[in-house]
Amino acid sequence: LSYSVLAGNHDVRSSTDDQRGDSAYLRAFGPARYA
């Protein structure tokens, strides 16, 4: 089943915006997951 996931504040534990760089979230739920 195709799906999308987006980062919540608890997933990145950062007050910065989407320019925060690498994260455990991005490595698991980044673009490569949906390719």
PDB file of all heavy atoms in Angstrom:
ATOM      1  N   LEU A   1       0.848  -1.180   0.000  1.00  0.00           N
ATOM      2  CA  LEU A   1       0.000   0.000   0.000  1.00  0.00           C
ATOM      3  C   LEU A   1       0.889   1.237   0.000  1.00  0.00           C
ATOM      4  O   LEU A   1       1.789   1.362   0.833  1.00  0.00           O
ATOM      5  CB  LEU A   1      -0.899   0.009   1.252  1.00  0.00           C
ATOM      6  CG  LEU A   1      -1.788   1.238   1.462  1.00  0.00           C
ATOM      7  CD1 LEU A   1      -2.836   1.339   0.356  1.00  0.00           C
ATOM      8  CD2 LEU A   1      -2.474   1.180   2.833  1.00  0.00           C
ATOM      9  N   SER A   2       0.657   2.123  -0.939  1.00  0.00           N
ATOM     10  CA  SER A   2       1.420   3.367  -0.970  1.00  0.00           C
ATOM     11  C   SER A   2       1.020   4.250   0.205  1.00  0.00           C
ATOM     12  O   SER A   2      -0.141   4.285   0.614  1.00  0.00           O
ATOM     13  CB  SER A   2       1.163   4.116  -2.277  1.00  0.00           C
ATOM     14  OG  SER A   2       1.738   3.445  -3.373  1.00  0.00           O
ATOM     15  N   TYR A   3       2.010   4.989   0.737  1.00  0.00           N
ATOM     16  CA  TYR A   3       1.733   5.824   1.897  1.00  0.00           C
ATOM     17  C   TYR A   3       2.719   6.971   1.971  1.00  0.00           C
ATOM     18  O   TYR A   3       3.766   6.974   1.319  1.00  0.00           O
ATOM     19  CB  TYR A   3       1.782   4.997   3.180  1.00  0.00           C
ATOM     20  CG  TYR A   3       3.130   4.373   3.494  1.00  0.00           C
ATOM     21  CD1 TYR A   3       4.086   5.058   4.258  1.00  0.00           C
ATOM     22  CD2 TYR A   3       3.452   3.087   3.047  1.00  0.00           C
ATOM     23  CE1 TYR A   3       5.314   4.474   4.552  1.00  0.00           C
ATOM     24  CE2 TYR A   3       4.674   2.503   3.334  1.00  0.00           C
ATOM     25  CZ  TYR A   3       5.607   3.206   4.092  1.00  0.00           C
ATOM     26  OH  TYR A   3       6.828   2.636   4.379  1.00  0.00           O
ATOM     27  N   SER A   4       2.369   7.952   2.784  1.00  0.00           N
ATOM     28  CA  SER A   4       3.272   9.064   3.077  1.00  0.00           C
ATOM     29  C   SER A   4       3.423   9.178   4.589  1.00  0.00           C
ATOM     30  O   SER A   4       2.518   8.825   5.344  1.00  0.00           O
ATOM     31  CB  SER A   4       2.729  10.378   2.498  1.00  0.00           C
ATOM     32  OG  SER A   4       1.499  10.737   3.102  1.00  0.00           O
ATOM     33  N   VAL A   5       4.583   9.669   5.002  1.00  0.00           N
ATOM     34  CA  VAL A   5       4.856   9.943   6.408  1.00  0.00           C
ATOM     35  C   VAL A   5       5.524  11.311   6.464  1.00  0.00           C
ATOM     36  O   VAL A   5       6.295  11.675   5.568  1.00  0.00           O
ATOM     37  CB  VAL A   5       5.780   8.878   7.039  1.00  0.00           C
ATOM     38  CG1 VAL A   5       5.973   9.149   8.538  1.00  0.00           C
ATOM     39  CG2 VAL A   5       5.214   7.472   6.827  1.00  0.00           C
ATOM     40  N   LEU A   6       5.230  12.076   7.492  1.00  0.00           N
ATOM     41  CA  LEU A   6       5.870  13.376   7.670  1.00  0.00           C
ATOM     42  C   LEU A   6       6.387  13.490   9.095  1.00  0.00           C
ATOM     43  O   LEU A   6       5.924  12.788   9.998  1.00  0.00           O
ATOM     44  CB  LEU A   6       4.892  14.500   7.333  1.00  0.00           C
ATOM     45  CG  LEU A   6       3.570  14.513   8.111  1.00  0.00           C
ATOM     46  CD1 LEU A   6       3.648  15.408   9.338  1.00  0.00           C
ATOM     47  CD2 LEU A   6       2.424  14.953   7.198  1.00  0.00           C
ATOM     48  N   ALA A   7       7.338  14.368   9.294  1.00  0.00           N
ATOM     49  CA  ALA A   7       7.965  14.505  10.601  1.00  0.00           C
ATOM     50  C   ALA A   7       7.147  15.398  11.512  1.00  0.00           C
ATOM     51  O   ALA A   7       6.751  16.506  11.137  1.00  0.00           O
ATOM     52  CB  ALA A   7       9.375  15.085  10.456  1.00  0.00           C
ATOM     53  N   GLY A   8       6.885  14.880  12.739  1.00  0.00           N
ATOM     54  CA  GLY A   8       6.312  15.694  13.796  1.00  0.00           C
ATOM     55  C   GLY A   8       7.431  16.181  14.705  1.00  0.00           C
ATOM     56  O   GLY A   8       8.591  15.755  14.592  1.00  0.00           O
ATOM     57  N   ASN A   9       7.102  17.042  15.635  1.00  0.00           N
ATOM     58  CA  ASN A   9       8.133  17.595  16.515  1.00  0.00           C
ATOM     59  C   ASN A   9       8.833  16.522  17.349  1.00  0.00           C
ATOM     60  O   ASN A   9      10.025  16.621  17.630  1.00  0.00           O
ATOM     61  CB  ASN A   9       7.541  18.664  17.425  1.00  0.00           C
ATOM     62  CG  ASN A   9       6.312  18.191  18.194  1.00  0.00           C
ATOM     63  OD1 ASN A   9       5.357  17.725  17.583  1.00  0.00           O
ATOM     64  ND2 ASN A   9       6.322  18.335  19.505  1.00  0.00           N
ATOM     65  N   HIS A  10       8.130  15.462  17.714  1.00  0.00           N
ATOM     66  CA  HIS A  10       8.750  14.404  18.516  1.00  0.00           C
ATOM     67  C   HIS A  10       9.641  13.496  17.668  1.00  0.00           C
ATOM     68  O   HIS A  10      10.467  12.770  18.224  1.00  0.00           O
ATOM     69  CB  HIS A  10       7.668  13.584  19.227  1.00  0.00           C
ATOM     70  CG  HIS A  10       7.111  14.260  20.433  1.00  0.00           C
ATOM     71  ND1 HIS A  10       7.472  13.929  21.714  1.00  0.00           N
ATOM     72  CD2 HIS A  10       6.236  15.292  20.545  1.00  0.00           C
ATOM     73  CE1 HIS A  10       6.825  14.704  22.570  1.00  0.00           C
ATOM     74  NE2 HIS A  10       6.061  15.542  21.875  1.00  0.00           N
ATOM     75  N   ASP A  11       9.481  13.532  16.367  1.00  0.00           N
ATOM     76  CA  ASP A  11      10.308  12.689  15.512  1.00  0.00           C
ATOM     77  C   ASP A  11      11.688  13.278  15.280  1.00  0.00           C
ATOM     78  O   ASP A  11      12.657  12.551  15.032  1.00  0.00           O
ATOM     79  CB  ASP A  11       9.618  12.464  14.158  1.00  0.00           C
ATOM     80  CG  ASP A  11       8.309  11.717  14.282  1.00  0.00           C
ATOM     81  OD1 ASP A  11       8.274  10.727  15.023  1.00  0.00           O
ATOM     82  OD2 ASP A  11       7.318  12.140  13.640  1.00  0.00           O
ATOM     83  N   VAL A  12      11.790  14.596  15.337  1.00  0.00           N
ATOM     84  CA  VAL A  12      13.070  15.233  15.056  1.00  0.00           C
ATOM     85  C   VAL A  12      13.643  15.945  16.277  1.00  0.00           C
ATOM     86  O   VAL A  12      14.817  16.323  16.283  1.00  0.00           O
ATOM     87  CB  VAL A  12      12.944  16.224  13.876  1.00  0.00           C
ATOM     88  CG1 VAL A  12      12.719  15.464  12.581  1.00  0.00           C
ATOM     89  CG2 VAL A  12      11.818  17.223  14.100  1.00  0.00           C
ATOM     90  N   ARG A  13      12.808  16.119  17.331  1.00  0.00           N
ATOM     91  CA  ARG A  13      13.269  16.717  18.590  1.00  0.00           C
ATOM     92  C   ARG A  13      14.092  17.966  18.348  1.00  0.00           C
ATOM     93  O   ARG A  13      15.179  18.147  18.884  1.00  0.00           O
ATOM     94  CB  ARG A  13      14.065  15.698  19.411  1.00  0.00           C
ATOM     95  CG  ARG A  13      13.328  14.417  19.716  1.00  0.00           C
ATOM     96  CD  ARG A  13      12.035  14.638  20.430  1.00  0.00           C
ATOM     97  NE  ARG A  13      12.258  15.130  21.801  1.00  0.00           N
ATOM     98  CZ  ARG A  13      11.270  15.495  22.618  1.00  0.00           C
ATOM     99  NH1 ARG A  13      10.017  15.463  22.189  1.00  0.00           N
ATOM    100  NH2 ARG A  13      11.535  15.901  23.844  1.00  0.00           N
ATOM    101  N   SER A  14      13.577  18.791  17.477  1.00  0.00           N
ATOM    102  CA  SER A  14      14.320  19.993  17.119  1.00  0.00           C
ATOM    103  C   SER A  14      13.353  21.115  16.846  1.00  0.00           C
ATOM    104  O   SER A  14      12.295  20.908  16.237  1.00  0.00           O
ATOM    105  CB  SER A  14      15.164  19.729  15.868  1.00  0.00           C
ATOM    106  OG  SER A  14      15.680  20.933  15.359  1.00  0.00           O
ATOM    107  N   SER A  15      13.674  22.295  17.296  1.00  0.00           N
ATOM    108  CA  SER A  15      12.818  23.451  17.039  1.00  0.00           C
ATOM    109  C   SER A  15      13.096  24.067  15.682  1.00  0.00           C
ATOM    110  O   SER A  15      12.450  25.028  15.286  1.00  0.00           O
ATOM    111  CB  SER A  15      13.023  24.515  18.135  1.00  0.00           C
ATOM    112  OG  SER A  15      14.382  24.936  18.154  1.00  0.00           O
ATOM    113  N   THR A  16      14.083  23.544  14.974  1.00  0.00           N
ATOM    114  CA  THR A  16      14.422  24.100  13.662  1.00  0.00           C
ATOM    115  C   THR A  16      13.447  23.608  12.606  1.00  0.00           C
ATOM    116  O   THR A  16      12.660  22.682  12.821  1.00  0.00           O
ATOM    117  CB  THR A  16      15.847  23.708  13.264  1.00  0.00           C
ATOM    118  OG1 THR A  16      15.934  22.280  13.230  1.00  0.00           O
ATOM    119  CG2 THR A  16      16.845  24.244  14.268  1.00  0.00           C
ATOM    120  N   ASP A  17      13.520  24.225  11.450  1.00  0.00           N
ATOM    121  CA  ASP A  17      12.604  23.847  10.383  1.00  0.00           C
ATOM    122  C   ASP A  17      13.203  22.724   9.554  1.00  0.00           C
ATOM    123  O   ASP A  17      14.156  22.051   9.968  1.00  0.00           O
ATOM    124  CB  ASP A  17      12.262  25.071   9.531  1.00  0.00           C
ATOM    125  CG  ASP A  17      13.488  25.738   8.919  1.00  0.00           C
ATOM    126  OD1 ASP A  17      14.506  25.039   8.701  1.00  0.00           O
ATOM    127  OD2 ASP A  17      13.428  26.962   8.659  1.00  0.00           O
ATOM    128  N   ASP A  18      12.657  22.521   8.348  1.00  0.00           N
ATOM    129  CA  ASP A  18      13.051  21.383   7.526  1.00  0.00           C
ATOM    130  C   ASP A  18      14.466  21.500   6.957  1.00  0.00           C
ATOM    131  O   ASP A  18      14.909  20.616   6.218  1.00  0.00           O
ATOM    132  CB  ASP A  18      12.047  21.164   6.390  1.00  0.00           C
ATOM    133  CG  ASP A  18      11.843  22.402   5.529  1.00  0.00           C
ATOM    134  OD1 ASP A  18      12.674  23.334   5.602  1.00  0.00           O
ATOM    135  OD2 ASP A  18      10.841  22.452   4.802  1.00  0.00           O
ATOM    136  N   GLN A  19      15.174  22.549   7.310  1.00  0.00           N
ATOM    137  CA  GLN A  19      16.571  22.676   6.895  1.00  0.00           C
ATOM    138  C   GLN A  19      17.519  22.154   7.985  1.00  0.00           C
ATOM    139  O   GLN A  19      18.708  22.464   7.989  1.00  0.00           O
ATOM    140  CB  GLN A  19      16.885  24.144   6.591  1.00  0.00           C
ATOM    141  CG  GLN A  19      15.996  24.742   5.500  1.00  0.00           C
ATOM    142  CD  GLN A  19      16.035  23.955   4.207  1.00  0.00           C
ATOM    143  OE1 GLN A  19      17.111  23.757   3.626  1.00  0.00           O
ATOM    144  NE2 GLN A  19      14.875  23.478   3.754  1.00  0.00           N
ATOM    145  N   ARG A  20      16.978  21.322   8.879  1.00  0.00           N
ATOM    146  CA  ARG A  20      17.740  20.848  10.033  1.00  0.00           C
ATOM    147  C   ARG A  20      18.840  19.861   9.666  1.00  0.00           C
ATOM    148  O   ARG A  20      19.715  19.568  10.468  1.00  0.00           O
ATOM    149  CB  ARG A  20      16.794  20.198  11.052  1.00  0.00           C
ATOM    150  CG  ARG A  20      16.108  18.934  10.563  1.00  0.00           C
ATOM    151  CD  ARG A  20      15.103  18.375  11.559  1.00  0.00           C
ATOM    152  NE  ARG A  20      13.985  19.260  11.773  1.00  0.00           N
ATOM    153  CZ  ARG A  20      12.857  19.234  11.071  1.00  0.00           C
ATOM    154  NH1 ARG A  20      12.735  18.395  10.048  1.00  0.00           N
ATOM    155  NH2 ARG A  20      11.892  20.076  11.338  1.00  0.00           N
ATOM    156  N   GLY A  21      18.793  19.284   8.477  1.00  0.00           N
ATOM    157  CA  GLY A  21      19.821  18.331   8.069  1.00  0.00           C
ATOM    158  C   GLY A  21      19.477  16.902   8.433  1.00  0.00           C
ATOM    159  O   GLY A  21      18.315  16.536   8.595  1.00  0.00           O
ATOM    160  N   ASP A  22      20.499  16.094   8.588  1.00  0.00           N
ATOM    161  CA  ASP A  22      20.318  14.656   8.801  1.00  0.00           C
ATOM    162  C   ASP A  22      19.638  14.380  10.143  1.00  0.00           C
ATOM    163  O   ASP A  22      19.744  15.152  11.093  1.00  0.00           O
ATOM    164  CB  ASP A  22      21.673  13.961   8.747  1.00  0.00           C
ATOM    165  CG  ASP A  22      21.543  12.439   8.730  1.00  0.00           C
ATOM    166  OD1 ASP A  22      20.508  11.966   8.198  1.00  0.00           O
ATOM    167  OD2 ASP A  22      22.436  11.765   9.255  1.00  0.00           O
ATOM    168  N   SER A  23      18.911  13.236  10.194  1.00  0.00           N
ATOM    169  CA  SER A  23      18.281  12.791  11.432  1.00  0.00           C
ATOM    170  C   SER A  23      17.952  11.315  11.289  1.00  0.00           C
ATOM    171  O   SER A  23      17.901  10.765  10.170  1.00  0.00           O
ATOM    172  CB  SER A  23      17.000  13.581  11.717  1.00  0.00           C
ATOM    173  OG  SER A  23      16.011  13.309  10.724  1.00  0.00           O
ATOM    174  N   ALA A  24      17.731  10.670  12.417  1.00  0.00           N
ATOM    175  CA  ALA A  24      17.311   9.268  12.378  1.00  0.00           C
ATOM    176  C   ALA A  24      16.006   9.135  11.610  1.00  0.00           C
ATOM    177  O   ALA A  24      15.800   8.181  10.848  1.00  0.00           O
ATOM    178  CB  ALA A  24      17.161   8.730  13.810  1.00  0.00           C
ATOM    179  N   TYR A  25      15.108  10.106  11.792  1.00  0.00           N
ATOM    180  CA  TYR A  25      13.841  10.086  11.060  1.00  0.00           C
ATOM    181  C   TYR A  25      14.083  10.121   9.562  1.00  0.00           C
ATOM    182  O   TYR A  25      13.499   9.342   8.794  1.00  0.00           O
ATOM    183  CB  TYR A  25      12.965  11.270  11.479  1.00  0.00           C
ATOM    184  CG  TYR A  25      11.784  11.449  10.557  1.00  0.00           C
ATOM    185  CD1 TYR A  25      10.622  10.732  10.750  1.00  0.00           C
ATOM    186  CD2 TYR A  25      11.863  12.290   9.437  1.00  0.00           C
ATOM    187  CE1 TYR A  25       9.549  10.853   9.870  1.00  0.00           C
ATOM    188  CE2 TYR A  25      10.810  12.419   8.557  1.00  0.00           C
ATOM    189  CZ  TYR A  25       9.656  11.692   8.772  1.00  0.00           C
ATOM    190  OH  TYR A  25       8.612  11.790   7.898  1.00  0.00           O
ATOM    191  N   LEU A  26      14.930  11.036   9.113  1.00  0.00           N
ATOM    192  CA  LEU A  26      15.161  11.197   7.674  1.00  0.00           C
ATOM    193  C   LEU A  26      15.779   9.938   7.071  1.00  0.00           C
ATOM    194  O   LEU A  26      15.443   9.558   5.951  1.00  0.00           O
ATOM    195  CB  LEU A  26      16.061  12.401   7.423  1.00  0.00           C
ATOM    196  CG  LEU A  26      16.211  12.836   5.955  1.00  0.00           C
ATOM    197  CD1 LEU A  26      14.862  13.209   5.358  1.00  0.00           C
ATOM    198  CD2 LEU A  26      17.187  13.994   5.850  1.00  0.00           C
ATOM    199  N   ARG A  27      16.651   9.290   7.820  1.00  0.00           N
ATOM    200  CA  ARG A  27      17.271   8.067   7.294  1.00  0.00           C
ATOM    201  C   ARG A  27      16.255   6.932   7.160  1.00  0.00           C
ATOM    202  O   ARG A  27      16.370   6.106   6.252  1.00  0.00           O
ATOM    203  CB  ARG A  27      18.436   7.645   8.196  1.00  0.00           C
ATOM    204  CG  ARG A  27      19.634   8.597   8.124  1.00  0.00           C
ATOM    205  CD  ARG A  27      20.860   8.040   8.822  1.00  0.00           C
ATOM    206  NE  ARG A  27      20.674   7.923  10.268  1.00  0.00           N
ATOM    207  CZ  ARG A  27      20.891   8.896  11.141  1.00  0.00           C
ATOM    208  NH1 ARG A  27      21.294  10.091  10.706  1.00  0.00           N
ATOM    209  NH2 ARG A  27      20.723   8.700  12.437  1.00  0.00           N
ATOM    210  N   ALA A  28      15.255   6.905   8.039  1.00  0.00           N
ATOM    211  CA  ALA A  28      14.260   5.826   7.982  1.00  0.00           C
ATOM    212  C   ALA A  28      13.053   6.179   7.120  1.00  0.00           C
ATOM    213  O   ALA A  28      12.497   5.326   6.433  1.00  0.00           O
ATOM    214  CB  ALA A  28      13.793   5.472   9.392  1.00  0.00           C
ATOM    215  N   PHE A  29      12.625   7.453   7.154  1.00  0.00           N
ATOM    216  CA  PHE A  29      11.394   7.848   6.470  1.00  0.00           C
ATOM    217  C   PHE A  29      11.626   8.958   5.440  1.00  0.00           C
ATOM    218  O   PHE A  29      10.705   9.699   5.095  1.00  0.00           O
ATOM    219  CB  PHE A  29      10.352   8.297   7.502  1.00  0.00           C
ATOM    220  CG  PHE A  29       9.830   7.180   8.358  1.00  0.00           C
ATOM    221  CD1 PHE A  29      10.295   7.009   9.653  1.00  0.00           C
ATOM    222  CD2 PHE A  29       8.896   6.283   7.877  1.00  0.00           C
ATOM    223  CE1 PHE A  29       9.830   5.973  10.457  1.00  0.00           C
ATOM    224  CE2 PHE A  29       8.415   5.242   8.657  1.00  0.00           C
ATOM    225  CZ  PHE A  29       8.895   5.082   9.959  1.00  0.00           C
ATOM    226  N   GLY A  30      12.833   9.025   4.937  1.00  0.00           N
ATOM    227  CA  GLY A  30      13.144   9.968   3.882  1.00  0.00           C
ATOM    228  C   GLY A  30      12.705   9.460   2.525  1.00  0.00           C
ATOM    229  O   GLY A  30      12.083   8.391   2.403  1.00  0.00           O
ATOM    230  N   PRO A  31      13.040  10.188   1.464  1.00  0.00           N
ATOM    231  CA  PRO A  31      12.569   9.862   0.114  1.00  0.00           C
ATOM    232  C   PRO A  31      12.890   8.447  -0.355  1.00  0.00           C
ATOM    233  O   PRO A  31      12.118   7.864  -1.127  1.00  0.00           O
ATOM    234  CB  PRO A  31      13.274  10.901  -0.763  1.00  0.00           C
ATOM    235  CG  PRO A  31      13.558  12.027   0.154  1.00  0.00           C
ATOM    236  CD  PRO A  31      13.841  11.428   1.485  1.00  0.00           C
ATOM    237  N   ALA A  32      14.024   7.907   0.105  1.00  0.00           N
ATOM    238  CA  ALA A  32      14.397   6.575  -0.362  1.00  0.00           C
ATOM    239  C   ALA A  32      13.342   5.535   0.004  1.00  0.00           C
ATOM    240  O   ALA A  32      13.178   4.535  -0.703  1.00  0.00           O
ATOM    241  CB  ALA A  32      15.751   6.176   0.233  1.00  0.00           C
ATOM    242  N   ARG A  33      12.615   5.761   1.101  1.00  0.00           N
ATOM    243  CA  ARG A  33      11.615   4.792   1.527  1.00  0.00           C
ATOM    244  C   ARG A  33      10.466   4.697   0.525  1.00  0.00           C
ATOM    245  O   ARG A  33       9.839   3.648   0.375  1.00  0.00           O
ATOM    246  CB  ARG A  33      11.076   5.166   2.905  1.00  0.00           C
ATOM    247  CG  ARG A  33      10.118   4.104   3.450  1.00  0.00           C
ATOM    248  CD  ARG A  33       9.770   4.250   4.897  1.00  0.00           C
ATOM    249  NE  ARG A  33       9.307   2.956   5.396  1.00  0.00           N
ATOM    250  CZ  ARG A  33       9.949   2.207   6.268  1.00  0.00           C
ATOM    251  NH1 ARG A  33      11.112   2.616   6.760  1.00  0.00           N
ATOM    252  NH2 ARG A  33       9.459   1.042   6.649  1.00  0.00           N
ATOM    253  N   TYR A  34      10.167   5.785  -0.150  1.00  0.00           N
ATOM    254  CA  TYR A  34       8.995   5.827  -1.031  1.00  0.00           C
ATOM    255  C   TYR A  34       9.339   5.616  -2.506  1.00  0.00           C
ATOM    256  O   TYR A  34       8.438   5.564  -3.345  1.00  0.00           O
ATOM    257  CB  TYR A  34       8.292   7.183  -0.881  1.00  0.00           C
ATOM    258  CG  TYR A  34       8.179   7.655   0.541  1.00  0.00           C
ATOM    259  CD1 TYR A  34       8.895   8.763   0.987  1.00  0.00           C
ATOM    260  CD2 TYR A  34       7.387   6.966   1.457  1.00  0.00           C
ATOM    261  CE1 TYR A  34       8.814   9.190   2.303  1.00  0.00           C
ATOM    262  CE2 TYR A  34       7.299   7.383   2.790  1.00  0.00           C
ATOM    263  CZ  TYR A  34       8.025   8.488   3.203  1.00  0.00           C
ATOM    264  OH  TYR A  34       7.945   8.895   4.507  1.00  0.00           O
ATOM    265  N   ALA A  35      10.605   5.493  -2.793  1.00  0.00           N
ATOM    266  CA  ALA A  35      11.052   5.512  -4.188  1.00  0.00           C
ATOM    267  C   ALA A  35      10.394   4.452  -5.054  1.00  0.00           C
ATOM    268  O   ALA A  35      10.163   4.664  -6.243  1.00  0.00           O
ATOM    269  CB  ALA A  35      12.573   5.369  -4.243  1.00  0.00           C
TER     270      ALA A  35
END
